Amino acid sequence: MALIEASKVTKAYRMGDQEVPALKGVTFEIGEGAFAAFVGPSGSGKSTLLNLIGCLDHPSSGTLRVSGVDVASLSRNAAATFRGENLGFVFQDFNLVPVLSVYENIEYPLLMVRGWSDGKRREQVNKMIAAVGMSDQAHKRPDQLSGGQKQRVAVARALVGQPKLVLADEPTANLDHDTAYKVLNLMKAMRDELGTSFIFSTHDPKIMHEAELTFTLEDGRIAAGAQS
């Protein structure tokens, strides 16, 4: 079953009097349980595409369905609800809240969008902290962590709400070689355990090597023969 179905998706941005195309008729499918990547140089459209799948922006034209929902038709409030119930995000710069502890950063999405009891929320947060090997760091703040530890917390935060899909935008860019592979292996292990799909936007060869499905973008289009 397809988790994501895109047909002739375009996206253009207005810059003064000019309309600048970022995506030019992109068509693809990604199934459930995927470990997939959009790859290509800066400006190729891969981050734009990730933002559309993540309901952070709307296509200019075309059809984009995520988990059976036409996300292009969602209102702002409906898109926020859909993100909270179905999606997790991992960012290049971690995007942890500096004044919150590891535990509180991971708990934060549940406080925002989930009507869980205190006990259920606590159980789920502790489960995810343990899953990423950070139980002994739960009380620390982000400025007390290494880059790899911060990204482990970001992965736990993305997964704590049990999403169907995690979107990761250049998640290894600020990590050294060994730490990047450890984080990628952690993500793949969590995919295998939880059935969560992971989709990356990257130009990092490490992710390209680990991805089970890749789409190469060039100038807003999926390059001919670029799916593998």
C-alpha atoms as a PDB file:
ATOM      1  CA  MET A   1       0.000   0.000   0.000  1.00  0.00           C
ATOM      2  CA  ALA A   2       1.302   3.454  -0.900  1.00  0.00           C
ATOM      3  CA  LEU A   3       1.938   5.756   2.044  1.00  0.00           C
ATOM      4  CA  ILE A   4       2.660   8.708  -0.250  1.00  0.00           C
ATOM      5  CA  GLU A   5       1.247   9.257  -3.733  1.00  0.00           C
ATOM      6  CA  ALA A   6       2.366  12.299  -5.699  1.00  0.00           C
ATOM      7  CA  SER A   7       1.139  13.113  -9.190  1.00  0.00           C
ATOM      8  CA  LYS A   8       2.441  16.058 -11.250  1.00  0.00           C
ATOM      9  CA  VAL A   9       3.187  18.107  -8.133  1.00  0.00           C
ATOM     10  CA  THR A  10       4.472  21.641  -8.733  1.00  0.00           C
ATOM     11  CA  LYS A  11       5.510  24.396  -6.359  1.00  0.00           C
ATOM     12  CA  ALA A  12       6.376  27.969  -7.258  1.00  0.00           C
ATOM     13  CA  TYR A  13       7.332  30.887  -5.009  1.00  0.00           C
ATOM     14  CA  ARG A  14       6.694  34.574  -5.638  1.00  0.00           C
ATOM     15  CA  MET A  15       9.793  36.773  -5.426  1.00  0.00           C
ATOM     16  CA  GLY A  16       8.789  40.329  -6.214  1.00  0.00           C
ATOM     17  CA  ASP A  17       7.329  40.278  -9.711  1.00  0.00           C
ATOM     18  CA  GLN A  18       8.924  36.942 -10.497  1.00  0.00           C
ATOM     19  CA  GLU A  19       7.486  33.459  -9.984  1.00  0.00           C
ATOM     20  CA  VAL A  20      10.288  31.011  -9.210  1.00  0.00           C
ATOM     21  CA  PRO A  21       9.522  27.304  -9.769  1.00  0.00           C
ATOM     22  CA  ALA A  22      10.877  24.933  -7.115  1.00  0.00           C
ATOM     23  CA  LEU A  23       9.134  21.727  -8.248  1.00  0.00           C
ATOM     24  CA  LYS A  24       8.123  21.016 -11.838  1.00  0.00           C
ATOM     25  CA  GLY A  25       5.635  18.175 -12.099  1.00  0.00           C
ATOM     26  CA  VAL A  26       6.977  15.537  -9.693  1.00  0.00           C
ATOM     27  CA  THR A  27       5.340  12.093  -9.701  1.00  0.00           C
ATOM     28  CA  PHE A  28       6.258   9.175  -7.388  1.00  0.00           C
ATOM     29  CA  GLU A  29       5.000   6.657  -4.824  1.00  0.00           C
ATOM     30  CA  ILE A  30       6.474   5.538  -1.501  1.00  0.00           C
ATOM     31  CA  GLY A  31       5.124   2.511   0.349  1.00  0.00           C
ATOM     32  CA  GLU A  32       4.609   1.884   4.050  1.00  0.00           C
ATOM     33  CA  GLY A  33       7.663   0.974   6.123  1.00  0.00           C
ATOM     34  CA  ALA A  34       9.971   2.850   3.758  1.00  0.00           C
ATOM     35  CA  PHE A  35      13.527   4.029   4.429  1.00  0.00           C
ATOM     36  CA  ALA A  36      13.712   6.438   1.522  1.00  0.00           C
ATOM     37  CA  ALA A  37      15.629   9.542   0.489  1.00  0.00           C
ATOM     38  CA  PHE A  38      15.261  12.505  -1.822  1.00  0.00           C
ATOM     39  CA  VAL A  39      18.793  13.357  -2.907  1.00  0.00           C
ATOM     40  CA  GLY A  40      20.342  16.101  -4.970  1.00  0.00           C
ATOM     41  CA  PRO A  41      22.291  19.351  -4.752  1.00  0.00           C
ATOM     42  CA  SER A  42      21.124  22.455  -2.919  1.00  0.00           C
ATOM     43  CA  GLY A  43      18.287  24.103  -4.807  1.00  0.00           C
ATOM     44  CA  SER A  44      17.125  20.900  -6.491  1.00  0.00           C
ATOM     45  CA  GLY A  45      13.753  20.944  -4.689  1.00  0.00           C
ATOM     46  CA  LYS A  46      14.235  18.134  -2.181  1.00  0.00           C
ATOM     47  CA  SER A  47      13.576  20.217   0.958  1.00  0.00           C
ATOM     48  CA  THR A  48      10.567  21.841  -0.723  1.00  0.00           C
ATOM     49  CA  LEU A  49       9.170  18.388  -1.411  1.00  0.00           C
ATOM     50  CA  LEU A  50       9.711  17.324   2.189  1.00  0.00           C
ATOM     51  CA  ASN A  51       7.863  20.440   3.367  1.00  0.00           C
ATOM     52  CA  LEU A  52       4.895  19.594   1.149  1.00  0.00           C
ATOM     53  CA  ILE A  53       4.722  16.014   2.429  1.00  0.00           C
ATOM     54  CA  GLY A  54       4.979  17.390   5.974  1.00  0.00           C
ATOM     55  CA  CYS A  55       2.001  19.729   5.437  1.00  0.00           C
ATOM     56  CA  LEU A  56       4.223  22.736   6.147  1.00  0.00           C
ATOM     57  CA  ASP A  57       3.358  24.145   2.713  1.00  0.00           C
ATOM     58  CA  HIS A  58       0.876  23.522  -0.116  1.00  0.00           C
ATOM     59  CA  PRO A  59       1.612  22.481  -3.717  1.00  0.00           C
ATOM     60  CA  SER A  60       0.865  25.002  -6.423  1.00  0.00           C
ATOM     61  CA  SER A  61      -0.736  22.240  -8.497  1.00  0.00           C
ATOM     62  CA  GLY A  62      -0.944  18.474  -8.751  1.00  0.00           C
ATOM     63  CA  THR A  63      -2.116  15.820  -6.307  1.00  0.00           C
ATOM     64  CA  LEU A  64      -0.333  14.806  -3.100  1.00  0.00           C
ATOM     65  CA  ARG A  65      -1.810  12.150  -0.818  1.00  0.00           C
ATOM     66  CA  VAL A  66      -0.201  11.116   2.475  1.00  0.00           C
ATOM     67  CA  SER A  67      -1.693   8.114   4.280  1.00  0.00           C
ATOM     68  CA  GLY A  68      -4.714   8.397   1.998  1.00  0.00           C
ATOM     69  CA  VAL A  69      -5.345  12.080   2.769  1.00  0.00           C
ATOM     70  CA  ASP A  70      -5.233  14.789   0.100  1.00  0.00           C
ATOM     71  CA  VAL A  71      -2.927  17.066   2.083  1.00  0.00           C
ATOM     72  CA  ALA A  72      -3.085  19.831  -0.534  1.00  0.00           C
ATOM     73  CA  SER A  73      -6.730  20.434   0.406  1.00  0.00           C
ATOM     74  CA  LEU A  74      -6.187  20.731   4.170  1.00  0.00           C
ATOM     75  CA  SER A  75      -6.806  24.028   5.926  1.00  0.00           C
ATOM     76  CA  ARG A  76      -4.114  25.428   8.203  1.00  0.00           C
ATOM     77  CA  ASN A  77      -5.753  24.007  11.321  1.00  0.00           C
ATOM     78  CA  ALA A  78      -6.495  20.664   9.674  1.00  0.00           C
ATOM     79  CA  ALA A  79      -2.892  20.436   8.473  1.00  0.00           C
ATOM     80  CA  ALA A  80      -1.625  21.067  12.014  1.00  0.00           C
ATOM     81  CA  THR A  81      -3.884  18.323  13.363  1.00  0.00           C
ATOM     82  CA  PHE A  82      -2.772  15.922  10.629  1.00  0.00           C
ATOM     83  CA  ARG A  83       0.901  16.605  11.410  1.00  0.00           C
ATOM     84  CA  GLY A  84       0.365  16.022  15.102  1.00  0.00           C
ATOM     85  CA  GLU A  85      -1.438  12.729  14.553  1.00  0.00           C
ATOM     86  CA  ASN A  86       0.617  11.260  11.712  1.00  0.00           C
ATOM     87  CA  LEU A  87       4.050  12.879  11.298  1.00  0.00           C
ATOM     88  CA  GLY A  88       7.333  13.304  13.147  1.00  0.00           C
ATOM     89  CA  PHE A  89      10.225  15.582  12.179  1.00  0.00           C
ATOM     90  CA  VAL A  90      14.017  15.419  12.587  1.00  0.00           C
ATOM     91  CA  PHE A  91      16.044  18.505  11.646  1.00  0.00           C
ATOM     92  CA  GLN A  92      19.653  19.264  10.696  1.00  0.00           C
ATOM     93  CA  ASP A  93      20.060  21.641  13.654  1.00  0.00           C
ATOM     94  CA  PHE A  94      18.190  19.352  16.085  1.00  0.00           C
ATOM     95  CA  ASN A  95      15.658  22.106  17.015  1.00  0.00           C
ATOM     96  CA  LEU A  96      15.578  21.115  20.676  1.00  0.00           C
ATOM     97  CA  VAL A  97      14.160  23.625  23.185  1.00  0.00           C
ATOM     98  CA  PRO A  98      17.260  24.833  25.062  1.00  0.00           C
ATOM     99  CA  VAL A  99      15.556  25.445  28.430  1.00  0.00           C
ATOM    100  CA  LEU A 100      13.944  21.996  28.538  1.00  0.00           C
ATOM    101  CA  SER A 101      15.540  18.744  29.680  1.00  0.00           C
ATOM    102  CA  VAL A 102      15.906  15.668  27.480  1.00  0.00           C
ATOM    103  CA  TYR A 103      12.739  14.258  29.052  1.00  0.00           C
ATOM    104  CA  GLU A 104      10.809  17.495  28.554  1.00  0.00           C
ATOM    105  CA  ASN A 105      11.931  17.895  24.932  1.00  0.00           C
ATOM    106  CA  ILE A 106      10.699  14.410  24.103  1.00  0.00           C
ATOM    107  CA  GLU A 107       7.465  14.953  26.030  1.00  0.00           C
ATOM    108  CA  TYR A 108       6.722  18.283  24.357  1.00  0.00           C
ATOM    109  CA  PRO A 109       4.856  16.996  21.248  1.00  0.00           C
ATOM    110  CA  LEU A 110       2.532  14.970  23.449  1.00  0.00           C
ATOM    111  CA  LEU A 111       1.658  18.044  25.508  1.00  0.00           C
ATOM    112  CA  MET A 112       0.878  19.988  22.343  1.00  0.00           C
ATOM    113  CA  VAL A 113      -1.349  17.607  20.413  1.00  0.00           C
ATOM    114  CA  ARG A 114      -2.190  14.528  22.455  1.00  0.00           C
ATOM    115  CA  GLY A 115      -4.912  14.181  25.075  1.00  0.00           C
ATOM    116  CA  TRP A 116      -3.011  11.455  26.908  1.00  0.00           C
ATOM    117  CA  SER A 117      -3.131  10.913  30.660  1.00  0.00           C
ATOM    118  CA  ASP A 118      -0.064  11.823  32.702  1.00  0.00           C
ATOM    119  CA  GLY A 119       0.718   8.155  33.302  1.00  0.00           C
ATOM    120  CA  LYS A 120       0.453   7.128  29.653  1.00  0.00           C
ATOM    121  CA  ARG A 121       2.527  10.116  28.578  1.00  0.00           C
ATOM    122  CA  ARG A 122       5.220   9.370  31.158  1.00  0.00           C
ATOM    123  CA  GLU A 123       5.352   5.698  30.134  1.00  0.00           C
ATOM    124  CA  GLN A 124       5.733   6.562  26.443  1.00  0.00           C
ATOM    125  CA  VAL A 125       8.409   9.212  27.027  1.00  0.00           C
ATOM    126  CA  ASN A 126      10.477   6.881  29.198  1.00  0.00           C
ATOM    127  CA  LYS A 127      10.102   4.112  26.615  1.00  0.00           C
ATOM    128  CA  MET A 128      11.472   6.338  23.862  1.00  0.00           C
ATOM    129  CA  ILE A 129      14.319   7.667  26.035  1.00  0.00           C
ATOM    130  CA  ALA A 130      15.375   4.084  26.712  1.00  0.00           C
ATOM    131  CA  ALA A 131      14.996   3.112  23.040  1.00  0.00           C
ATOM    132  CA  VAL A 132      17.549   5.726  21.961  1.00  0.00           C
ATOM    133  CA  GLY A 133      19.910   4.948  24.839  1.00  0.00           C
ATOM    134  CA  MET A 134      19.492   8.233  26.715  1.00  0.00           C
ATOM    135  CA  SER A 135      17.926   7.130  30.021  1.00  0.00           C
ATOM    136  CA  ASP A 136      20.956   8.248  32.020  1.00  0.00           C
ATOM    137  CA  GLN A 137      20.834  11.688  30.353  1.00  0.00           C
ATOM    138  CA  ALA A 138      17.118  12.383  30.822  1.00  0.00           C
ATOM    139  CA  HIS A 139      17.647  15.306  33.219  1.00  0.00           C
ATOM    140  CA  LYS A 140      20.225  17.136  31.090  1.00  0.00           C
ATOM    141  CA  ARG A 141      19.572  20.142  28.865  1.00  0.00           C
ATOM    142  CA  PRO A 142      20.643  20.271  25.191  1.00  0.00           C
ATOM    143  CA  ASP A 143      23.736  22.405  25.912  1.00  0.00           C
ATOM    144  CA  GLN A 144      25.054  19.536  28.047  1.00  0.00           C
ATOM    145  CA  LEU A 145      24.839  17.003  25.189  1.00  0.00           C
ATOM    146  CA  SER A 146      27.035  16.085  22.230  1.00  0.00           C
ATOM    147  CA  GLY A 147      25.745  16.448  18.669  1.00  0.00           C
ATOM    148  CA  GLY A 148      25.026  12.745  18.428  1.00  0.00           C
ATOM    149  CA  GLN A 149      23.133  12.767  21.722  1.00  0.00           C
ATOM    150  CA  LYS A 150      21.066  15.753  20.585  1.00  0.00           C
ATOM    151  CA  GLN A 151      20.093  13.935  17.400  1.00  0.00           C
ATOM    152  CA  ARG A 152      19.154  10.835  19.409  1.00  0.00           C
ATOM    153  CA  VAL A 153      16.828  13.028  21.462  1.00  0.00           C
ATOM    154  CA  ALA A 154      15.422  14.489  18.238  1.00  0.00           C
ATOM    155  CA  VAL A 155      14.724  10.977  16.927  1.00  0.00           C
ATOM    156  CA  ALA A 156      12.955  10.043  20.178  1.00  0.00           C
ATOM    157  CA  ARG A 157      10.912  13.252  20.026  1.00  0.00           C
ATOM    158  CA  ALA A 158       9.914  12.502  16.424  1.00  0.00           C
ATOM    159  CA  LEU A 159       8.777   8.982  17.350  1.00  0.00           C
ATOM    160  CA  VAL A 160       7.144   9.589  20.744  1.00  0.00           C
ATOM    161  CA  GLY A 161       3.693  10.241  19.254  1.00  0.00           C
ATOM    162  CA  GLN A 162       3.832   6.951  17.296  1.00  0.00           C
ATOM    163  CA  PRO A 163       3.653   8.611  13.857  1.00  0.00           C
ATOM    164  CA  LYS A 164       3.230   6.739  10.603  1.00  0.00           C
ATOM    165  CA  LEU A 165       5.983   8.791   8.979  1.00  0.00           C
ATOM    166  CA  VAL A 166       9.123  10.630  10.105  1.00  0.00           C
ATOM    167  CA  LEU A 167      10.571  13.306   7.817  1.00  0.00           C
ATOM    168  CA  ALA A 168      14.275  14.045   8.297  1.00  0.00           C
ATOM    169  CA  ASP A 169      15.848  17.092   6.631  1.00  0.00           C
ATOM    170  CA  GLU A 170      19.664  16.718   6.407  1.00  0.00           C
ATOM    171  CA  PRO A 171      19.730  14.921   9.797  1.00  0.00           C
ATOM    172  CA  THR A 172      23.436  13.965   9.621  1.00  0.00           C
ATOM    173  CA  ALA A 173      24.848  17.250   8.325  1.00  0.00           C
ATOM    174  CA  ASN A 174      26.153  18.365  11.726  1.00  0.00           C
ATOM    175  CA  LEU A 175      27.428  14.948  12.827  1.00  0.00           C
ATOM    176  CA  ASP A 176      30.817  13.308  12.383  1.00  0.00           C
ATOM    177  CA  HIS A 177      31.123  10.157  10.285  1.00  0.00           C
ATOM    178  CA  ASP A 178      30.831   7.565  13.061  1.00  0.00           C
ATOM    179  CA  THR A 179      28.050   9.385  14.892  1.00  0.00           C
ATOM    180  CA  ALA A 180      26.082   9.816  11.658  1.00  0.00           C
ATOM    181  CA  TYR A 181      26.118   6.068  11.034  1.00  0.00           C
ATOM    182  CA  LYS A 182      25.069   5.380  14.623  1.00  0.00           C
ATOM    183  CA  VAL A 183      22.080   7.717  14.232  1.00  0.00           C
ATOM    184  CA  LEU A 184      21.136   6.175  10.868  1.00  0.00           C
ATOM    185  CA  ASN A 185      21.346   2.670  12.316  1.00  0.00           C
ATOM    186  CA  LEU A 186      19.185   3.814  15.232  1.00  0.00           C
ATOM    187  CA  MET A 187      16.566   5.158  12.820  1.00  0.00           C
ATOM    188  CA  LYS A 188      16.571   1.927  10.808  1.00  0.00           C
ATOM    189  CA  ALA A 189      16.223  -0.134  13.998  1.00  0.00           C
ATOM    190  CA  MET A 190      13.278   2.000  15.090  1.00  0.00           C
ATOM    191  CA  ARG A 191      11.710   1.576  11.648  1.00  0.00           C
ATOM    192  CA  ASP A 192      12.056  -2.201  11.942  1.00  0.00           C
ATOM    193  CA  GLU A 193      10.654  -2.242  15.489  1.00  0.00           C
ATOM    194  CA  LEU A 194       7.794   0.239  15.108  1.00  0.00           C
ATOM    195  CA  GLY A 195       6.982   0.054  11.386  1.00  0.00           C
ATOM    196  CA  THR A 196       7.426   3.824  11.044  1.00  0.00           C
ATOM    197  CA  SER A 197       8.471   5.062   7.610  1.00  0.00           C
ATOM    198  CA  PHE A 198      11.470   7.397   7.318  1.00  0.00           C
ATOM    199  CA  ILE A 199      11.986   9.818   4.440  1.00  0.00           C
ATOM    200  CA  PHE A 200      15.145  11.913   4.184  1.00  0.00           C
ATOM    201  CA  SER A 201      16.118  15.023   2.290  1.00  0.00           C
ATOM    202  CA  THR A 202      19.892  14.935   1.862  1.00  0.00           C
ATOM    203  CA  HIS A 203      23.044  15.185  -0.193  1.00  0.00           C
ATOM    204  CA  ASP A 204      24.974  13.069   2.322  1.00  0.00           C
ATOM    205  CA  PRO A 205      26.464   9.907   0.710  1.00  0.00           C
ATOM    206  CA  LYS A 206      26.034   8.040   4.010  1.00  0.00           C
ATOM    207  CA  ILE A 207      22.255   8.380   3.849  1.00  0.00           C
ATOM    208  CA  MET A 208      22.229   7.588   0.128  1.00  0.00           C
ATOM    209  CA  HIS A 209      24.071   4.354   0.901  1.00  0.00           C
ATOM    210  CA  GLU A 210      21.708   3.367   3.731  1.00  0.00           C
ATOM    211  CA  ALA A 211      18.452   4.333   1.999  1.00  0.00           C
ATOM    212  CA  GLU A 212      16.456   1.465   0.524  1.00  0.00           C
ATOM    213  CA  LEU A 213      14.740   3.750  -1.983  1.00  0.00           C
ATOM    214  CA  THR A 214      16.169   6.957  -3.467  1.00  0.00           C
ATOM    215  CA  PHE A 215      14.827   9.647  -5.771  1.00  0.00           C
ATOM    216  CA  THR A 216      17.351  12.019  -7.345  1.00  0.00           C
ATOM    217  CA  LEU A 217      16.068  15.548  -7.912  1.00  0.00           C
ATOM    218  CA  GLU A 218      17.583  17.881 -10.480  1.00  0.00           C
ATOM    219  CA  ASP A 219      16.246  21.386 -11.025  1.00  0.00           C
ATOM    220  CA  GLY A 220      12.836  20.620  -9.544  1.00  0.00           C
ATOM    221  CA  ARG A 221      12.313  17.316 -11.347  1.00  0.00           C
ATOM    222  CA  ILE A 222      12.990  13.672 -10.561  1.00  0.00           C
ATOM    223  CA  ALA A 223      15.830  12.782 -12.912  1.00  0.00           C
ATOM    224  CA  ALA A 224      15.144  10.157 -15.559  1.00  0.00           C
ATOM    225  CA  GLY A 225      16.095   6.738 -14.185  1.00  0.00           C
ATOM    226  CA  ALA A 226      16.815   8.316 -10.793  1.00  0.00           C
ATOM    227  CA  GLN A 227      14.602   6.046  -8.714  1.00  0.00           C
ATOM    228  CA  SER A 228      16.463   3.107  -7.183  1.00  0.00           C
END
